[in-house]
Amino acid sequence: MSKKPRKKKEYDDDDGRTIANMNVEGMPWYQKRAHDDTPADPQSPAGEGAGDAGADNQPITLTKTEGRAMMRGVLLAAFLVGAVFFGAIALFILFCIYVWFR
């Protein structure tokens, strides 16, 4: 017994455009050389699509101003997390002194 090939359903409102490309790296159905609707990047040696972010594995270079801004943001976030932990510990100690151990 052989299986009959499935007929592809045709919809009246389908114009053939891709709304969301589901060819995501890491999924079982991922195809490296799948057809995508993005135009080819002329500077890419392999002719890969422009939608392949990070495919060329080039390091990102930052200017001094961008590097300083990034470091300022990282330090601000670290100090904020540290302040939250310090505040929680201080509140716990105050709770222990004035409520729990009375």
PDB file of N, CA and C in Angstrom:
ATOM      1  N   MET A   1       0.836  -1.176   0.000  1.00  0.00           N
ATOM      2  CA  MET A   1       0.000   0.000   0.000  1.00  0.00           C
ATOM      3  C   MET A   1       0.879   1.235   0.000  1.00  0.00           C
ATOM      4  N   SER A   2       0.726   2.031  -0.973  1.00  0.00           N
ATOM      5  CA  SER A   2       1.505   3.268  -1.018  1.00  0.00           C
ATOM      6  C   SER A   2       0.624   4.442  -0.620  1.00  0.00           C
ATOM      7  N   LYS A   3       1.236   5.380   0.045  1.00  0.00           N
ATOM      8  CA  LYS A   3       0.491   6.565   0.469  1.00  0.00           C
ATOM      9  C   LYS A   3       0.367   7.529  -0.697  1.00  0.00           C
ATOM     10  N   LYS A   4      -0.781   8.144  -0.779  1.00  0.00           N
ATOM     11  CA  LYS A   4      -0.990   9.154  -1.806  1.00  0.00           C
ATOM     12  C   LYS A   4      -0.354  10.460  -1.324  1.00  0.00           C
ATOM     13  N   PRO A   5       0.309  11.171  -2.215  1.00  0.00           N
ATOM     14  CA  PRO A   5       0.894  12.452  -1.799  1.00  0.00           C
ATOM     15  C   PRO A   5      -0.214  13.448  -1.471  1.00  0.00           C
ATOM     16  N   ARG A   6       0.027  14.210  -0.434  1.00  0.00           N
ATOM     17  CA  ARG A   6      -0.966  15.206  -0.019  1.00  0.00           C
ATOM     18  C   ARG A   6      -0.998  16.363  -0.998  1.00  0.00           C
ATOM     19  N   LYS A   7      -2.186  16.819  -1.262  1.00  0.00           N
ATOM     20  CA  LYS A   7      -2.336  18.002  -2.080  1.00  0.00           C
ATOM     21  C   LYS A   7      -2.164  19.219  -1.190  1.00  0.00           C
ATOM     22  N   LYS A   8      -1.417  20.179  -1.672  1.00  0.00           N
ATOM     23  CA  LYS A   8      -1.229  21.398  -0.912  1.00  0.00           C
ATOM     24  C   LYS A   8      -2.507  22.225  -1.011  1.00  0.00           C
ATOM     25  N   LYS A   9      -3.002  22.663   0.161  1.00  0.00           N
ATOM     26  CA  LYS A   9      -4.226  23.456   0.172  1.00  0.00           C
ATOM     27  C   LYS A   9      -3.972  24.809  -0.449  1.00  0.00           C
ATOM     28  N   GLU A  10      -4.907  25.258  -1.231  1.00  0.00           N
ATOM     29  CA  GLU A  10      -4.808  26.581  -1.832  1.00  0.00           C
ATOM     30  C   GLU A  10      -5.905  27.458  -1.254  1.00  0.00           C
ATOM     31  N   TYR A  11      -5.490  28.632  -0.831  1.00  0.00           N
ATOM     32  CA  TYR A  11      -6.419  29.579  -0.231  1.00  0.00           C
ATOM     33  C   TYR A  11      -6.629  30.754  -1.175  1.00  0.00           C
ATOM     34  N   ASP A  12      -7.839  31.309  -1.159  1.00  0.00           N
ATOM     35  CA  ASP A  12      -8.166  32.414  -2.049  1.00  0.00           C
ATOM     36  C   ASP A  12      -7.395  33.685  -1.711  1.00  0.00           C
ATOM     37  N   ASP A  13      -7.136  33.897  -0.414  1.00  0.00           N
ATOM     38  CA  ASP A  13      -6.497  35.145  -0.003  1.00  0.00           C
ATOM     39  C   ASP A  13      -4.977  35.044   0.092  1.00  0.00           C
ATOM     40  N   ASP A  14      -4.385  33.931  -0.328  1.00  0.00           N
ATOM     41  CA  ASP A  14      -2.936  33.743  -0.253  1.00  0.00           C
ATOM     42  C   ASP A  14      -2.287  34.288  -1.509  1.00  0.00           C
ATOM     43  N   ASP A  15      -1.394  35.281  -1.319  1.00  0.00           N
ATOM     44  CA  ASP A  15      -0.692  35.837  -2.469  1.00  0.00           C
ATOM     45  C   ASP A  15       0.750  35.355  -2.549  1.00  0.00           C
ATOM     46  N   GLY A  16       1.161  34.445  -1.662  1.00  0.00           N
ATOM     47  CA  GLY A  16       2.472  33.836  -1.731  1.00  0.00           C
ATOM     48  C   GLY A  16       3.553  34.542  -0.945  1.00  0.00           C
ATOM     49  N   ARG A  17       3.255  35.687  -0.341  1.00  0.00           N
ATOM     50  CA  ARG A  17       4.274  36.401   0.431  1.00  0.00           C
ATOM     51  C   ARG A  17       4.479  35.739   1.792  1.00  0.00           C
ATOM     52  N   THR A  18       5.698  35.846   2.311  1.00  0.00           N
ATOM     53  CA  THR A  18       6.010  35.317   3.635  1.00  0.00           C
ATOM     54  C   THR A  18       5.763  36.406   4.662  1.00  0.00           C
ATOM     55  N   ILE A  19       4.896  36.154   5.610  1.00  0.00           N
ATOM     56  CA  ILE A  19       4.605  37.118   6.667  1.00  0.00           C
ATOM     57  C   ILE A  19       5.634  36.988   7.783  1.00  0.00           C
ATOM     58  N   ALA A  20       5.875  35.776   8.242  1.00  0.00           N
ATOM     59  CA  ALA A  20       6.856  35.523   9.292  1.00  0.00           C
ATOM     60  C   ALA A  20       7.663  34.289   8.897  1.00  0.00           C
ATOM     61  N   ASN A  21       8.956  34.469   8.725  1.00  0.00           N
ATOM     62  CA  ASN A  21       9.821  33.366   8.337  1.00  0.00           C
ATOM     63  C   ASN A  21      10.057  32.469   9.550  1.00  0.00           C
ATOM     64  N   MET A  22       9.615  31.233   9.473  1.00  0.00           N
ATOM     65  CA  MET A  22       9.744  30.293  10.586  1.00  0.00           C
ATOM     66  C   MET A  22      10.992  29.433  10.479  1.00  0.00           C
ATOM     67  N   ASN A  23      11.890  29.759   9.556  1.00  0.00           N
ATOM     68  CA  ASN A  23      13.138  29.025   9.420  1.00  0.00           C
ATOM     69  C   ASN A  23      14.129  29.588  10.437  1.00  0.00           C
ATOM     70  N   VAL A  24      14.022  29.134  11.689  1.00  0.00           N
ATOM     71  CA  VAL A  24      14.813  29.652  12.794  1.00  0.00           C
ATOM     72  C   VAL A  24      15.903  28.657  13.142  1.00  0.00           C
ATOM     73  N   GLU A  25      17.133  29.175  13.299  1.00  0.00           N
ATOM     74  CA  GLU A  25      18.256  28.303  13.627  1.00  0.00           C
ATOM     75  C   GLU A  25      18.015  27.617  14.967  1.00  0.00           C
ATOM     76  N   GLY A  26      18.233  26.316  15.026  1.00  0.00           N
ATOM     77  CA  GLY A  26      18.023  25.545  16.238  1.00  0.00           C
ATOM     78  C   GLY A  26      16.758  24.711  16.191  1.00  0.00           C
ATOM     79  N   MET A  27      15.855  25.012  15.284  1.00  0.00           N
ATOM     80  CA  MET A  27      14.637  24.233  15.143  1.00  0.00           C
ATOM     81  C   MET A  27      14.912  23.010  14.269  1.00  0.00           C
ATOM     82  N   PRO A  28      14.156  21.928  14.453  1.00  0.00           N
ATOM     83  CA  PRO A  28      14.426  20.712  13.679  1.00  0.00           C
ATOM     84  C   PRO A  28      14.250  20.884  12.174  1.00  0.00           C
ATOM     85  N   TRP A  29      13.435  21.818  11.748  1.00  0.00           N
ATOM     86  CA  TRP A  29      13.174  22.001  10.327  1.00  0.00           C
ATOM     87  C   TRP A  29      14.061  23.068   9.704  1.00  0.00           C
ATOM     88  N   TYR A  30      15.066  23.561  10.442  1.00  0.00           N
ATOM     89  CA  TYR A  30      15.932  24.639   9.943  1.00  0.00           C
ATOM     90  C   TYR A  30      16.692  24.208   8.707  1.00  0.00           C
ATOM     91  N   GLN A  31      16.654  25.027   7.666  1.00  0.00           N
ATOM     92  CA  GLN A  31      17.405  24.781   6.442  1.00  0.00           C
ATOM     93  C   GLN A  31      18.340  25.959   6.232  1.00  0.00           C
ATOM     94  N   LYS A  32      19.631  25.680   6.193  1.00  0.00           N
ATOM     95  CA  LYS A  32      20.626  26.749   6.115  1.00  0.00           C
ATOM     96  C   LYS A  32      20.505  27.553   4.831  1.00  0.00           C
ATOM     97  N   ARG A  33      20.274  26.914   3.742  1.00  0.00           N
ATOM     98  CA  ARG A  33      20.202  27.599   2.447  1.00  0.00           C
ATOM     99  C   ARG A  33      18.759  27.753   1.963  1.00  0.00           C
ATOM    100  N   ALA A  34      17.827  27.947   2.867  1.00  0.00           N
ATOM    101  CA  ALA A  34      16.433  28.075   2.473  1.00  0.00           C
ATOM    102  C   ALA A  34      16.204  29.397   1.766  1.00  0.00           C
ATOM    103  N   HIS A  35      15.217  29.417   0.919  1.00  0.00           N
ATOM    104  CA  HIS A  35      14.857  30.635   0.190  1.00  0.00           C
ATOM    105  C   HIS A  35      14.240  31.624   1.167  1.00  0.00           C
ATOM    106  N   ASP A  36      14.793  32.832   1.187  1.00  0.00           N
ATOM    107  CA  ASP A  36      14.171  33.876   1.989  1.00  0.00           C
ATOM    108  C   ASP A  36      13.919  35.081   1.099  1.00  0.00           C
ATOM    109  N   ASP A  37      13.014  35.937   1.520  1.00  0.00           N
ATOM    110  CA  ASP A  37      12.597  37.075   0.712  1.00  0.00           C
ATOM    111  C   ASP A  37      13.475  38.294   0.897  1.00  0.00           C
ATOM    112  N   THR A  38      14.521  38.200   1.704  1.00  0.00           N
ATOM    113  CA  THR A  38      15.387  39.343   1.915  1.00  0.00           C
ATOM    114  C   THR A  38      16.361  39.462   0.759  1.00  0.00           C
ATOM    115  N   PRO A  39      16.668  40.674   0.336  1.00  0.00           N
ATOM    116  CA  PRO A  39      17.605  40.832  -0.783  1.00  0.00           C
ATOM    117  C   PRO A  39      19.011  40.445  -0.367  1.00  0.00           C
ATOM    118  N   ALA A  40      19.777  39.932  -1.312  1.00  0.00           N
ATOM    119  CA  ALA A  40      21.140  39.489  -1.019  1.00  0.00           C
ATOM    120  C   ALA A  40      22.019  40.700  -0.745  1.00  0.00           C
ATOM    121  N   ASP A  41      22.922  40.566   0.195  1.00  0.00           N
ATOM    122  CA  ASP A  41      23.864  41.618   0.545  1.00  0.00           C
ATOM    123  C   ASP A  41      25.028  41.557  -0.439  1.00  0.00           C
ATOM    124  N   PRO A  42      25.274  42.610  -1.208  1.00  0.00           N
ATOM    125  CA  PRO A  42      26.345  42.534  -2.209  1.00  0.00           C
ATOM    126  C   PRO A  42      27.737  42.438  -1.593  1.00  0.00           C
ATOM    127  N   GLN A  43      27.924  42.854  -0.342  1.00  0.00           N
ATOM    128  CA  GLN A  43      29.236  42.794   0.282  1.00  0.00           C
ATOM    129  C   GLN A  43      29.513  41.440   0.900  1.00  0.00           C
ATOM    130  N   SER A  44      28.496  40.603   1.038  1.00  0.00           N
ATOM    131  CA  SER A  44      28.670  39.288   1.641  1.00  0.00           C
ATOM    132  C   SER A  44      29.310  38.347   0.623  1.00  0.00           C
ATOM    133  N   PRO A  45      30.402  37.663   0.986  1.00  0.00           N
ATOM    134  CA  PRO A  45      31.067  36.791   0.017  1.00  0.00           C
ATOM    135  C   PRO A  45      30.228  35.590  -0.382  1.00  0.00           C
ATOM    136  N   ALA A  46      29.390  35.083   0.505  1.00  0.00           N
ATOM    137  CA  ALA A  46      28.600  33.896   0.198  1.00  0.00           C
ATOM    138  C   ALA A  46      27.271  34.259  -0.433  1.00  0.00           C
ATOM    139  N   GLY A  47      26.948  35.571  -0.513  1.00  0.00           N
ATOM    140  CA  GLY A  47      25.677  35.985  -1.084  1.00  0.00           C
ATOM    141  C   GLY A  47      24.513  35.695  -0.173  1.00  0.00           C
ATOM    142  N   GLU A  48      24.749  35.638   1.125  1.00  0.00           N
ATOM    143  CA  GLU A  48      23.691  35.344   2.074  1.00  0.00           C
ATOM    144  C   GLU A  48      22.760  36.541   2.154  1.00  0.00           C
ATOM    145  N   GLY A  49      21.567  36.330   2.653  1.00  0.00           N
ATOM    146  CA  GLY A  49      20.592  37.402   2.758  1.00  0.00           C
ATOM    147  C   GLY A  49      20.979  38.419   3.808  1.00  0.00           C
ATOM    148  N   ALA A  50      20.416  39.613   3.686  1.00  0.00           N
ATOM    149  CA  ALA A  50      20.714  40.680   4.644  1.00  0.00           C
ATOM    150  C   ALA A  50      20.093  40.383   5.994  1.00  0.00           C
ATOM    151  N   GLY A  51      19.148  39.453   6.057  1.00  0.00           N
ATOM    152  CA  GLY A  51      18.498  39.127   7.313  1.00  0.00           C
ATOM    153  C   GLY A  51      19.307  38.203   8.202  1.00  0.00           C
ATOM    154  N   ASP A  52      20.476  37.748   7.748  1.00  0.00           N
ATOM    155  CA  ASP A  52      21.305  36.852   8.549  1.00  0.00           C
ATOM    156  C   ASP A  52      22.191  37.672   9.469  1.00  0.00           C
ATOM    157  N   ALA A  53      21.663  38.116  10.587  1.00  0.00           N
ATOM    158  CA  ALA A  53      22.430  38.953  11.505  1.00  0.00           C
ATOM    159  C   ALA A  53      23.516  38.127  12.169  1.00  0.00           C
ATOM    160  N   GLY A  54      24.730  38.618  12.138  1.00  0.00           N
ATOM    161  CA  GLY A  54      25.834  37.934  12.786  1.00  0.00           C
ATOM    162  C   GLY A  54      26.371  36.746  12.019  1.00  0.00           C
ATOM    163  N   ALA A  55      25.968  36.570  10.772  1.00  0.00           N
ATOM    164  CA  ALA A  55      26.407  35.410  10.013  1.00  0.00           C
ATOM    165  C   ALA A  55      27.873  35.529   9.612  1.00  0.00           C
ATOM    166  N   ASP A  56      28.390  36.762   9.521  1.00  0.00           N
ATOM    167  CA  ASP A  56      29.766  36.927   9.096  1.00  0.00           C
ATOM    168  C   ASP A  56      30.745  36.883  10.262  1.00  0.00           C
ATOM    169  N   ASN A  57      30.275  36.827  11.491  1.00  0.00           N
ATOM    170  CA  ASN A  57      31.096  36.713  12.703  1.00  0.00           C
ATOM    171  C   ASN A  57      32.149  37.810  12.803  1.00  0.00           C
ATOM    172  N   GLN A  58      31.810  39.008  12.375  1.00  0.00           N
ATOM    173  CA  GLN A  58      32.701  40.149  12.501  1.00  0.00           C
ATOM    174  C   GLN A  58      32.525  40.767  13.876  1.00  0.00           C
ATOM    175  N   PRO A  59      33.631  41.151  14.551  1.00  0.00           N
ATOM    176  CA  PRO A  59      33.494  41.784  15.869  1.00  0.00           C
ATOM    177  C   PRO A  59      32.867  43.170  15.738  1.00  0.00           C
ATOM    178  N   ILE A  60      32.118  43.548  16.756  1.00  0.00           N
ATOM    179  CA  ILE A  60      31.483  44.854  16.767  1.00  0.00           C
ATOM    180  C   ILE A  60      32.474  45.851  17.340  1.00  0.00           C
ATOM    181  N   THR A  61      32.715  46.927  16.631  1.00  0.00           N
ATOM    182  CA  THR A  61      33.626  47.952  17.114  1.00  0.00           C
ATOM    183  C   THR A  61      32.811  49.129  17.605  1.00  0.00           C
ATOM    184  N   LEU A  62      33.183  49.637  18.781  1.00  0.00           N
ATOM    185  CA  LEU A  62      32.497  50.777  19.369  1.00  0.00           C
ATOM    186  C   LEU A  62      33.442  51.962  19.424  1.00  0.00           C
ATOM    187  N   THR A  63      32.876  53.159  19.315  1.00  0.00           N
ATOM    188  CA  THR A  63      33.681  54.353  19.509  1.00  0.00           C
ATOM    189  C   THR A  63      33.909  54.533  20.998  1.00  0.00           C
ATOM    190  N   LYS A  64      34.793  55.450  21.361  1.00  0.00           N
ATOM    191  CA  LYS A  64      35.064  55.686  22.776  1.00  0.00           C
ATOM    192  C   LYS A  64      33.812  56.171  23.489  1.00  0.00           C
ATOM    193  N   THR A  65      33.047  57.019  22.837  1.00  0.00           N
ATOM    194  CA  THR A  65      31.823  57.541  23.455  1.00  0.00           C
ATOM    195  C   THR A  65      30.809  56.416  23.689  1.00  0.00           C
ATOM    196  N   GLU A  66      30.646  55.532  22.702  1.00  0.00           N
ATOM    197  CA  GLU A  66      29.721  54.415  22.856  1.00  0.00           C
ATOM    198  C   GLU A  66      30.191  53.450  23.937  1.00  0.00           C
ATOM    199  N   GLY A  67      31.500  53.209  24.014  1.00  0.00           N
ATOM    200  CA  GLY A  67      32.046  52.323  25.046  1.00  0.00           C
ATOM    201  C   GLY A  67      31.826  52.876  26.440  1.00  0.00           C
ATOM    202  N   ARG A  68      32.053  54.191  26.584  1.00  0.00           N
ATOM    203  CA  ARG A  68      31.827  54.826  27.886  1.00  0.00           C
ATOM    204  C   ARG A  68      30.356  54.775  28.273  1.00  0.00           C
ATOM    205  N   ALA A  69      29.477  55.015  27.312  1.00  0.00           N
ATOM    206  CA  ALA A  69      28.036  54.968  27.594  1.00  0.00           C
ATOM    207  C   ALA A  69      27.613  53.564  27.999  1.00  0.00           C
ATOM    208  N   MET A  70      28.170  52.557  27.330  1.00  0.00           N
ATOM    209  CA  MET A  70      27.843  51.179  27.679  1.00  0.00           C
ATOM    210  C   MET A  70      28.337  50.844  29.081  1.00  0.00           C
ATOM    211  N   MET A  71      29.565  51.229  29.396  1.00  0.00           N
ATOM    212  CA  MET A  71      30.109  50.949  30.725  1.00  0.00           C
ATOM    213  C   MET A  71      29.334  51.689  31.802  1.00  0.00           C
ATOM    214  N   ARG A  72      28.915  52.926  31.518  1.00  0.00           N
ATOM    215  CA  ARG A  72      28.118  53.686  32.476  1.00  0.00           C
ATOM    216  C   ARG A  72      26.792  52.971  32.737  1.00  0.00           C
ATOM    217  N   GLY A  73      26.158  52.457  31.695  1.00  0.00           N
ATOM    218  CA  GLY A  73      24.908  51.718  31.864  1.00  0.00           C
ATOM    219  C   GLY A  73      25.092  50.438  32.658  1.00  0.00           C
ATOM    220  N   VAL A  74      26.194  49.725  32.388  1.00  0.00           N
ATOM    221  CA  VAL A  74      26.469  48.480  33.110  1.00  0.00           C
ATOM    222  C   VAL A  74      26.708  48.767  34.587  1.00  0.00           C
ATOM    223  N   LEU A  75      27.526  49.793  34.880  1.00  0.00           N
ATOM    224  CA  LEU A  75      27.805  50.137  36.272  1.00  0.00           C
ATOM    225  C   LEU A  75      26.551  50.619  36.995  1.00  0.00           C
ATOM    226  N   LEU A  76      25.732  51.414  36.309  1.00  0.00           N
ATOM    227  CA  LEU A  76      24.490  51.883  36.919  1.00  0.00           C
ATOM    228  C   LEU A  76      23.574  50.709  37.266  1.00  0.00           C
ATOM    229  N   ALA A  77      23.465  49.746  36.370  1.00  0.00           N
ATOM    230  CA  ALA A  77      22.628  48.578  36.636  1.00  0.00           C
ATOM    231  C   ALA A  77      23.192  47.755  37.798  1.00  0.00           C
ATOM    232  N   ALA A  78      24.519  47.596  37.847  1.00  0.00           N
ATOM    233  CA  ALA A  78      25.136  46.830  38.931  1.00  0.00           C
ATOM    234  C   ALA A  78      24.933  47.530  40.275  1.00  0.00           C
ATOM    235  N   PHE A  79      25.112  48.853  40.316  1.00  0.00           N
ATOM    236  CA  PHE A  79      24.895  49.594  41.563  1.00  0.00           C
ATOM    237  C   PHE A  79      23.433  49.546  41.995  1.00  0.00           C
ATOM    238  N   LEU A  80      22.519  49.565  41.038  1.00  0.00           N
ATOM    239  CA  LEU A  80      21.094  49.480  41.374  1.00  0.00           C
ATOM    240  C   LEU A  80      20.773  48.132  42.013  1.00  0.00           C
ATOM    241  N   VAL A  81      21.283  47.052  41.437  1.00  0.00           N
ATOM    242  CA  VAL A  81      21.053  45.716  42.011  1.00  0.00           C
ATOM    243  C   VAL A  81      21.691  45.621  43.386  1.00  0.00           C
ATOM    244  N   GLY A  82      22.909  46.151  43.535  1.00  0.00           N
ATOM    245  CA  GLY A  82      23.573  46.145  44.832  1.00  0.00           C
ATOM    246  C   GLY A  82      22.804  46.939  45.872  1.00  0.00           C
ATOM    247  N   ALA A  83      22.246  48.092  45.469  1.00  0.00           N
ATOM    248  CA  ALA A  83      21.472  48.905  46.403  1.00  0.00           C
ATOM    249  C   ALA A  83      20.210  48.180  46.849  1.00  0.00           C
ATOM    250  N   VAL A  84      19.571  47.465  45.942  1.00  0.00           N
ATOM    251  CA  VAL A  84      18.372  46.708  46.306  1.00  0.00           C
ATOM    252  C   VAL A  84      18.720  45.617  47.323  1.00  0.00           C
ATOM    253  N   PHE A  85      19.804  44.886  47.072  1.00  0.00           N
ATOM    254  CA  PHE A  85      20.220  43.861  48.038  1.00  0.00           C
ATOM    255  C   PHE A  85      20.600  44.478  49.382  1.00  0.00           C
ATOM    256  N   PHE A  86      21.352  45.573  49.370  1.00  0.00           N
ATOM    257  CA  PHE A  86      21.749  46.237  50.605  1.00  0.00           C
ATOM    258  C   PHE A  86      20.519  46.717  51.375  1.00  0.00           C
ATOM    259  N   GLY A  87      19.547  47.282  50.652  1.00  0.00           N
ATOM    260  CA  GLY A  87      18.314  47.734  51.307  1.00  0.00           C
ATOM    261  C   GLY A  87      17.537  46.581  51.916  1.00  0.00           C
ATOM    262  N   ALA A  88      17.471  45.471  51.225  1.00  0.00           N
ATOM    263  CA  ALA A  88      16.751  44.313  51.754  1.00  0.00           C
ATOM    264  C   ALA A  88      17.433  43.773  53.015  1.00  0.00           C
ATOM    265  N   ILE A  89      18.754  43.709  53.003  1.00  0.00           N
ATOM    266  CA  ILE A  89      19.483  43.229  54.178  1.00  0.00           C
ATOM    267  C   ILE A  89      19.310  44.191  55.344  1.00  0.00           C
ATOM    268  N   ALA A  90      19.374  45.500  55.063  1.00  0.00           N
ATOM    269  CA  ALA A  90      19.201  46.497  56.124  1.00  0.00           C
ATOM    270  C   ALA A  90      17.796  46.402  56.725  1.00  0.00           C
ATOM    271  N   LEU A  91      16.789  46.233  55.884  1.00  0.00           N
ATOM    272  CA  LEU A  91      15.421  46.089  56.396  1.00  0.00           C
ATOM    273  C   LEU A  91      15.268  44.818  57.216  1.00  0.00           C
ATOM    274  N   PHE A  92      15.914  43.731  56.807  1.00  0.00           N
ATOM    275  CA  PHE A  92      15.849  42.491  57.576  1.00  0.00           C
ATOM    276  C   PHE A  92      16.497  42.662  58.949  1.00  0.00           C
ATOM    277  N   ILE A  93      17.639  43.341  58.998  1.00  0.00           N
ATOM    278  CA  ILE A  93      18.313  43.574  60.280  1.00  0.00           C
ATOM    279  C   ILE A  93      17.453  44.447  61.181  1.00  0.00           C
ATOM    280  N   LEU A  94      16.865  45.506  60.629  1.00  0.00           N
ATOM    281  CA  LEU A  94      15.983  46.360  61.427  1.00  0.00           C
ATOM    282  C   LEU A  94      14.764  45.582  61.925  1.00  0.00           C
ATOM    283  N   PHE A  95      14.223  44.709  61.068  1.00  0.00           N
ATOM    284  CA  PHE A  95      13.089  43.877  61.482  1.00  0.00           C
ATOM    285  C   PHE A  95      13.496  42.961  62.636  1.00  0.00           C
ATOM    286  N   CYS A  96      14.681  42.372  62.519  1.00  0.00           N
ATOM    287  CA  CYS A  96      15.153  41.479  63.585  1.00  0.00           C
ATOM    288  C   CYS A  96      15.342  42.230  64.898  1.00  0.00           C
ATOM    289  N   ILE A  97      15.922  43.422  64.831  1.00  0.00           N
ATOM    290  CA  ILE A  97      16.219  44.179  66.049  1.00  0.00           C
ATOM    291  C   ILE A  97      14.942  44.678  66.721  1.00  0.00           C
ATOM    292  N   TYR A  98      14.042  45.269  65.957  1.00  0.00           N
ATOM    293  CA  TYR A  98      12.893  45.951  66.555  1.00  0.00           C
ATOM    294  C   TYR A  98      11.632  45.098  66.661  1.00  0.00           C
ATOM    295  N   VAL A  99      11.514  44.000  65.942  1.00  0.00           N
ATOM    296  CA  VAL A  99      10.278  43.223  65.980  1.00  0.00           C
ATOM    297  C   VAL A  99      10.542  41.805  66.454  1.00  0.00           C
ATOM    298  N   TRP A 100      11.420  41.087  65.824  1.00  0.00           N
ATOM    299  CA  TRP A 100      11.573  39.668  66.071  1.00  0.00           C
ATOM    300  C   TRP A 100      12.195  39.371  67.425  1.00  0.00           C
ATOM    301  N   PHE A 101      13.246  40.101  67.807  1.00  0.00           N
ATOM    302  CA  PHE A 101      13.955  39.799  69.046  1.00  0.00           C
ATOM    303  C   PHE A 101      13.423  40.551  70.254  1.00  0.00           C
ATOM    304  N   ARG A 102      12.306  41.186  70.188  1.00  0.00           N
ATOM    305  CA  ARG A 102      11.731  41.902  71.350  1.00  0.00           C
ATOM    306  C   ARG A 102      10.972  40.982  72.242  1.00  0.00           C
TER     307      ARG A 102
END
